[in-house]
């Protein structure tokens, strides 16, 4: 796994999962930071996995908003929203993929913070 993140508007936000794949098919390539508020919120574009080339290469990109909120017990609540979905069978397939994937990501993150 590798990351290429330039934390500035329209800076790179690339998280690479499939390092053995050729460049362009390694994961979250080509995504950018949309906005951020330190310690509060981060938003970025997000593409489909290489298994969904029609959606991955579509001109329209979805986006993710991650919000952080400090709680009274000195922990942080993280809220993740994946937005910008278009209509159609393949878009639905990618939505369903991420519906499961983001749940696993959030559980993994929670476990690593305990």
C-alpha atoms as a PDB file:
ATOM      1  CA  UNK A   1       0.000   0.000   0.000  1.00  0.00           C
ATOM      2  CA  UNK A   2       1.223   3.489  -0.807  1.00  0.00           C
ATOM      3  CA  UNK A   3      -0.183   7.002  -0.589  1.00  0.00           C
ATOM      4  CA  UNK A   4       0.372  10.190  -2.571  1.00  0.00           C
ATOM      5  CA  UNK A   5      -1.411  13.005  -0.777  1.00  0.00           C
ATOM      6  CA  UNK A   6      -0.877  16.743  -1.250  1.00  0.00           C
ATOM      7  CA  UNK A   7      -3.185  18.278   1.355  1.00  0.00           C
ATOM      8  CA  UNK A   8      -4.326  21.345  -0.557  1.00  0.00           C
ATOM      9  CA  UNK A   9      -7.352  22.019  -2.763  1.00  0.00           C
ATOM     10  CA  UNK A  10      -6.951  20.011  -5.995  1.00  0.00           C
ATOM     11  CA  UNK A  11      -3.804  18.364  -4.626  1.00  0.00           C
ATOM     12  CA  UNK A  12      -3.386  14.616  -5.132  1.00  0.00           C
ATOM     13  CA  UNK A  13      -5.352  12.223  -2.943  1.00  0.00           C
ATOM     14  CA  UNK A  14      -4.196   8.835  -4.143  1.00  0.00           C
ATOM     15  CA  UNK A  15      -4.281   5.689  -2.041  1.00  0.00           C
ATOM     16  CA  UNK A  16      -2.789   2.722  -3.853  1.00  0.00           C
ATOM     17  CA  UNK A  17      -3.856  -0.795  -2.839  1.00  0.00           C
ATOM     18  CA  UNK A  18      -2.851  -2.987  -5.779  1.00  0.00           C
ATOM     19  CA  UNK A  19       0.872  -2.346  -6.071  1.00  0.00           C
ATOM     20  CA  UNK A  20       1.459  -5.319  -8.419  1.00  0.00           C
ATOM     21  CA  UNK A  21      -0.967  -3.869 -11.000  1.00  0.00           C
ATOM     22  CA  UNK A  22       0.259  -1.546 -13.763  1.00  0.00           C
ATOM     23  CA  UNK A  23       0.131   2.184 -13.083  1.00  0.00           C
ATOM     24  CA  UNK A  24      -3.414   3.457 -13.550  1.00  0.00           C
ATOM     25  CA  UNK A  25      -4.903   0.258 -12.093  1.00  0.00           C
ATOM     26  CA  UNK A  26      -3.408   0.329  -8.599  1.00  0.00           C
ATOM     27  CA  UNK A  27      -6.363   1.806  -6.731  1.00  0.00           C
ATOM     28  CA  UNK A  28      -7.311   5.377  -5.947  1.00  0.00           C
ATOM     29  CA  UNK A  29      -5.231   7.040  -8.648  1.00  0.00           C
ATOM     30  CA  UNK A  30      -6.218  10.364 -10.140  1.00  0.00           C
ATOM     31  CA  UNK A  31      -8.240  11.536  -7.130  1.00  0.00           C
ATOM     32  CA  UNK A  32      -7.861  15.011  -5.679  1.00  0.00           C
ATOM     33  CA  UNK A  33      -8.513  16.863  -2.457  1.00  0.00           C
ATOM     34  CA  UNK A  34     -11.636  18.993  -2.800  1.00  0.00           C
ATOM     35  CA  UNK A  35     -11.526  20.788   0.544  1.00  0.00           C
ATOM     36  CA  UNK A  36     -10.446  20.446   4.151  1.00  0.00           C
ATOM     37  CA  UNK A  37     -10.830  22.091   7.503  1.00  0.00           C
ATOM     38  CA  UNK A  38      -8.027  20.995   9.861  1.00  0.00           C
ATOM     39  CA  UNK A  39      -9.306  18.629  12.563  1.00  0.00           C
ATOM     40  CA  UNK A  40     -12.878  18.977  11.225  1.00  0.00           C
ATOM     41  CA  UNK A  41     -13.395  17.777   7.620  1.00  0.00           C
ATOM     42  CA  UNK A  42     -11.706  16.394   4.528  1.00  0.00           C
ATOM     43  CA  UNK A  43     -13.347  15.883   1.117  1.00  0.00           C
ATOM     44  CA  UNK A  44     -11.855  14.255  -1.955  1.00  0.00           C
ATOM     45  CA  UNK A  45     -12.865  12.690  -5.258  1.00  0.00           C
ATOM     46  CA  UNK A  46     -12.971   8.904  -5.377  1.00  0.00           C
ATOM     47  CA  UNK A  47     -12.975   6.562  -8.324  1.00  0.00           C
ATOM     48  CA  UNK A  48     -14.253   3.037  -8.830  1.00  0.00           C
ATOM     49  CA  UNK A  49     -11.939   0.026  -8.530  1.00  0.00           C
ATOM     50  CA  UNK A  50     -10.266  -1.279 -11.711  1.00  0.00           C
ATOM     51  CA  UNK A  51     -12.915  -4.057 -11.840  1.00  0.00           C
ATOM     52  CA  UNK A  52     -15.429  -1.388 -12.952  1.00  0.00           C
ATOM     53  CA  UNK A  53     -13.620   0.320 -15.873  1.00  0.00           C
ATOM     54  CA  UNK A  54     -16.713   2.076 -17.276  1.00  0.00           C
ATOM     55  CA  UNK A  55     -17.309   3.903 -13.991  1.00  0.00           C
ATOM     56  CA  UNK A  56     -13.622   4.249 -13.117  1.00  0.00           C
ATOM     57  CA  UNK A  57     -12.950   6.071 -16.391  1.00  0.00           C
ATOM     58  CA  UNK A  58     -16.196   8.059 -16.443  1.00  0.00           C
ATOM     59  CA  UNK A  59     -15.818  11.843 -16.608  1.00  0.00           C
ATOM     60  CA  UNK A  60     -18.063  12.184 -13.541  1.00  0.00           C
ATOM     61  CA  UNK A  61     -16.338  11.386 -10.255  1.00  0.00           C
ATOM     62  CA  UNK A  62     -17.956  10.647  -6.934  1.00  0.00           C
ATOM     63  CA  UNK A  63     -16.660  12.331  -3.802  1.00  0.00           C
ATOM     64  CA  UNK A  64     -16.122  11.409  -0.180  1.00  0.00           C
ATOM     65  CA  UNK A  65     -16.604  13.687   2.820  1.00  0.00           C
ATOM     66  CA  UNK A  66     -14.995  12.667   6.114  1.00  0.00           C
ATOM     67  CA  UNK A  67     -16.037  14.652   9.168  1.00  0.00           C
ATOM     68  CA  UNK A  68     -14.268  14.528  12.546  1.00  0.00           C
ATOM     69  CA  UNK A  69     -15.949  15.518  15.787  1.00  0.00           C
ATOM     70  CA  UNK A  70     -14.304  15.463  19.195  1.00  0.00           C
ATOM     71  CA  UNK A  71     -16.577  13.998  21.848  1.00  0.00           C
ATOM     72  CA  UNK A  72     -16.826  14.924  25.541  1.00  0.00           C
ATOM     73  CA  UNK A  73     -15.014  11.704  26.504  1.00  0.00           C
ATOM     74  CA  UNK A  74     -11.971  12.840  24.474  1.00  0.00           C
ATOM     75  CA  UNK A  75     -12.500  10.481  21.537  1.00  0.00           C
ATOM     76  CA  UNK A  76     -13.289  11.353  17.953  1.00  0.00           C
ATOM     77  CA  UNK A  77     -16.413  10.470  16.023  1.00  0.00           C
ATOM     78  CA  UNK A  78     -15.735  10.011  12.323  1.00  0.00           C
ATOM     79  CA  UNK A  79     -18.544  10.288   9.753  1.00  0.00           C
ATOM     80  CA  UNK A  80     -17.921   9.189   6.172  1.00  0.00           C
ATOM     81  CA  UNK A  81     -20.304  10.087   3.328  1.00  0.00           C
ATOM     82  CA  UNK A  82     -19.755   8.918  -0.258  1.00  0.00           C
ATOM     83  CA  UNK A  83     -21.766  11.140  -2.593  1.00  0.00           C
ATOM     84  CA  UNK A  84     -22.324  12.032  -6.241  1.00  0.00           C
ATOM     85  CA  UNK A  85     -23.754   8.788  -7.583  1.00  0.00           C
ATOM     86  CA  UNK A  86     -25.315   8.704 -11.032  1.00  0.00           C
ATOM     87  CA  UNK A  87     -28.129   6.367 -12.089  1.00  0.00           C
ATOM     88  CA  UNK A  88     -27.658   3.084 -13.902  1.00  0.00           C
ATOM     89  CA  UNK A  89     -26.925  -0.580 -13.304  1.00  0.00           C
ATOM     90  CA  UNK A  90     -23.127  -0.218 -13.261  1.00  0.00           C
ATOM     91  CA  UNK A  91     -23.315   2.801 -10.956  1.00  0.00           C
ATOM     92  CA  UNK A  92     -25.528   0.705  -8.648  1.00  0.00           C
ATOM     93  CA  UNK A  93     -22.955  -2.094  -8.683  1.00  0.00           C
ATOM     94  CA  UNK A  94     -20.176   0.300  -7.679  1.00  0.00           C
ATOM     95  CA  UNK A  95     -22.407   1.857  -4.998  1.00  0.00           C
ATOM     96  CA  UNK A  96     -23.043  -1.636  -3.555  1.00  0.00           C
ATOM     97  CA  UNK A  97     -19.320  -2.402  -3.681  1.00  0.00           C
ATOM     98  CA  UNK A  98     -18.507   0.721  -1.669  1.00  0.00           C
ATOM     99  CA  UNK A  99     -21.439   0.221   0.696  1.00  0.00           C
ATOM    100  CA  UNK A 100     -19.637  -2.926   1.850  1.00  0.00           C
ATOM    101  CA  UNK A 101     -16.082  -1.637   1.441  1.00  0.00           C
ATOM    102  CA  UNK A 102     -16.538   1.529   3.511  1.00  0.00           C
ATOM    103  CA  UNK A 103     -18.113  -0.541   6.311  1.00  0.00           C
ATOM    104  CA  UNK A 104     -14.979  -2.715   6.390  1.00  0.00           C
ATOM    105  CA  UNK A 105     -12.729   0.367   6.300  1.00  0.00           C
ATOM    106  CA  UNK A 106     -14.581   1.985   9.207  1.00  0.00           C
ATOM    107  CA  UNK A 107     -14.477  -1.239  11.294  1.00  0.00           C
ATOM    108  CA  UNK A 108     -10.759  -1.633  10.591  1.00  0.00           C
ATOM    109  CA  UNK A 109     -10.115   1.969  11.566  1.00  0.00           C
ATOM    110  CA  UNK A 110     -12.066   1.564  14.782  1.00  0.00           C
ATOM    111  CA  UNK A 111     -10.149  -1.599  15.680  1.00  0.00           C
ATOM    112  CA  UNK A 112      -6.786   0.060  15.015  1.00  0.00           C
ATOM    113  CA  UNK A 113      -7.705   2.958  17.327  1.00  0.00           C
ATOM    114  CA  UNK A 114      -8.523   0.783  20.338  1.00  0.00           C
END
